[in-house]
């Protein structure tokens, strides 16, 4: 095992760690925003059932 292999392993570990950290930050932070205040489900009646 040469120095090149060790460097590749280190870079891989750093890349995976950074990817996990970014994914966790995005998940914790969330998309934000306010959910819609209008619309949504409504009961169907009469002609709406066709």
N, C-alpha and C. Protein backbone atom coordinates (compact mmCIF):
# COMPACT_ATOMS: atom_id res chain seq x y z
N UNK A 1 0.85 -1.18 0.00
CA UNK A 1 0.00 0.00 0.00
C UNK A 1 0.89 1.23 0.00
N UNK A 2 0.70 2.04 -1.02
CA UNK A 2 1.53 3.23 -1.14
C UNK A 2 0.86 4.45 -0.57
N UNK A 3 1.59 5.55 -0.65
CA UNK A 3 1.07 6.81 -0.13
C UNK A 3 -0.13 7.29 -0.94
N UNK A 4 -0.15 6.96 -2.24
CA UNK A 4 -1.28 7.35 -3.10
C UNK A 4 -2.59 6.71 -2.67
N UNK A 5 -2.49 5.46 -2.26
CA UNK A 5 -3.69 4.75 -1.81
C UNK A 5 -4.24 5.37 -0.52
N UNK A 6 -3.34 5.68 0.41
CA UNK A 6 -3.76 6.28 1.68
C UNK A 6 -4.41 7.64 1.43
N UNK A 7 -3.83 8.42 0.51
CA UNK A 7 -4.40 9.73 0.17
C UNK A 7 -5.78 9.57 -0.42
N UNK A 8 -5.98 8.58 -1.28
CA UNK A 8 -7.28 8.34 -1.89
C UNK A 8 -8.30 7.95 -0.82
N UNK A 9 -7.91 7.11 0.11
CA UNK A 9 -8.81 6.70 1.19
C UNK A 9 -9.19 7.91 2.05
N UNK A 10 -8.22 8.75 2.37
CA UNK A 10 -8.51 9.95 3.17
C UNK A 10 -9.48 10.87 2.45
N UNK A 11 -9.24 11.09 1.17
CA UNK A 11 -10.14 11.97 0.39
C UNK A 11 -11.54 11.39 0.32
N UNK A 12 -11.63 10.08 0.17
CA UNK A 12 -12.94 9.42 0.13
C UNK A 12 -13.67 9.59 1.45
N UNK A 13 -12.97 9.39 2.55
CA UNK A 13 -13.59 9.53 3.87
C UNK A 13 -14.04 10.97 4.09
N UNK A 14 -13.22 11.93 3.71
CA UNK A 14 -13.59 13.34 3.86
C UNK A 14 -14.81 13.66 2.99
N UNK A 15 -14.84 13.18 1.75
CA UNK A 15 -15.95 13.46 0.85
C UNK A 15 -17.26 12.87 1.39
N UNK A 16 -17.19 11.64 1.90
CA UNK A 16 -18.39 11.01 2.46
C UNK A 16 -18.86 11.75 3.70
N UNK A 17 -17.92 12.16 4.54
CA UNK A 17 -18.27 12.89 5.77
C UNK A 17 -18.92 14.23 5.45
N UNK A 18 -18.36 14.95 4.48
CA UNK A 18 -18.95 16.23 4.08
C UNK A 18 -20.34 16.01 3.49
N UNK A 19 -20.50 14.99 2.69
CA UNK A 19 -21.82 14.69 2.12
C UNK A 19 -22.85 14.38 3.19
N UNK A 20 -22.48 13.61 4.18
CA UNK A 20 -23.39 13.29 5.28
C UNK A 20 -23.74 14.55 6.07
N UNK A 21 -22.74 15.40 6.31
CA UNK A 21 -22.98 16.64 7.06
C UNK A 21 -23.93 17.56 6.31
N UNK A 22 -23.75 17.69 5.00
CA UNK A 22 -24.63 18.54 4.20
C UNK A 22 -26.05 17.97 4.19
N UNK A 23 -26.19 16.67 4.01
CA UNK A 23 -27.51 16.04 4.00
C UNK A 23 -28.21 16.23 5.34
N UNK A 24 -27.46 16.08 6.43
CA UNK A 24 -28.06 16.26 7.77
C UNK A 24 -28.49 17.70 7.98
N UNK A 25 -27.67 18.66 7.52
CA UNK A 25 -28.03 20.07 7.69
C UNK A 25 -29.28 20.41 6.90
N UNK A 26 -29.39 19.89 5.69
CA UNK A 26 -30.58 20.16 4.88
C UNK A 26 -31.81 19.54 5.53
N UNK A 27 -31.66 18.33 6.06
CA UNK A 27 -32.80 17.65 6.69
C UNK A 27 -33.25 18.36 7.96
N UNK A 28 -32.29 18.79 8.78
CA UNK A 28 -32.63 19.47 10.03
C UNK A 28 -33.26 20.83 9.74
N UNK A 29 -32.70 21.53 8.80
CA UNK A 29 -33.19 22.87 8.48
C UNK A 29 -34.57 22.81 7.82
N UNK A 30 -34.79 21.81 6.99
CA UNK A 30 -36.07 21.65 6.33
C UNK A 30 -36.23 22.63 5.19
N UNK A 31 -37.37 22.54 4.53
CA UNK A 31 -37.62 23.40 3.38
C UNK A 31 -38.21 24.74 3.79
N UNK A 32 -38.71 24.83 5.01
CA UNK A 32 -39.28 26.09 5.49
C UNK A 32 -40.56 26.43 4.76
N UNK A 33 -40.92 27.69 4.81
CA UNK A 33 -42.13 28.12 4.13
C UNK A 33 -43.37 27.88 4.96
N UNK A 34 -44.45 28.43 4.48
CA UNK A 34 -45.74 28.31 5.16
C UNK A 34 -46.63 27.39 4.34
N UNK A 35 -47.28 26.43 4.95
CA UNK A 35 -48.17 25.56 4.19
C UNK A 35 -49.35 26.34 3.61
N UNK A 36 -49.95 25.86 2.55
CA UNK A 36 -51.08 26.56 1.93
C UNK A 36 -52.22 26.75 2.92
N UNK A 37 -52.85 27.91 2.88
CA UNK A 37 -53.95 28.23 3.79
C UNK A 37 -55.31 28.01 3.15
N UNK A 38 -55.35 27.81 1.84
CA UNK A 38 -56.63 27.60 1.14
C UNK A 38 -56.53 26.33 0.31
N UNK A 39 -57.67 25.88 -0.18
CA UNK A 39 -57.68 24.68 -1.01
C UNK A 39 -57.74 23.43 -0.16
N UNK A 40 -57.28 22.35 -0.73
CA UNK A 40 -57.26 21.10 -0.01
C UNK A 40 -58.43 20.21 -0.38
N UNK A 41 -58.76 19.27 0.48
CA UNK A 41 -59.81 18.30 0.21
C UNK A 41 -61.17 18.89 0.52
N UNK A 42 -62.15 18.45 -0.24
CA UNK A 42 -63.53 18.81 0.05
C UNK A 42 -64.41 17.62 -0.28
N UNK A 43 -65.56 17.57 0.34
CA UNK A 43 -66.48 16.45 0.11
C UNK A 43 -67.17 16.64 -1.23
N UNK A 44 -67.27 15.55 -2.00
CA UNK A 44 -67.94 15.60 -3.29
C UNK A 44 -69.41 15.29 -3.12
N UNK A 45 -70.22 16.04 -3.86
CA UNK A 45 -71.67 15.85 -3.81
C UNK A 45 -72.26 15.90 -5.21
N UNK A 46 -73.36 15.21 -5.42
CA UNK A 46 -74.13 15.29 -6.65
C UNK A 46 -73.31 15.14 -7.92
N UNK A 47 -73.29 16.19 -8.76
CA UNK A 47 -72.63 16.14 -10.05
C UNK A 47 -71.11 16.02 -9.94
N UNK A 48 -70.57 16.37 -8.79
CA UNK A 48 -69.11 16.26 -8.63
C UNK A 48 -68.64 14.81 -8.64
N UNK A 49 -69.55 13.85 -8.37
CA UNK A 49 -69.18 12.45 -8.30
C UNK A 49 -68.96 11.83 -9.65
N UNK A 50 -69.37 12.48 -10.73
CA UNK A 50 -69.24 11.90 -12.07
C UNK A 50 -67.86 12.04 -12.61
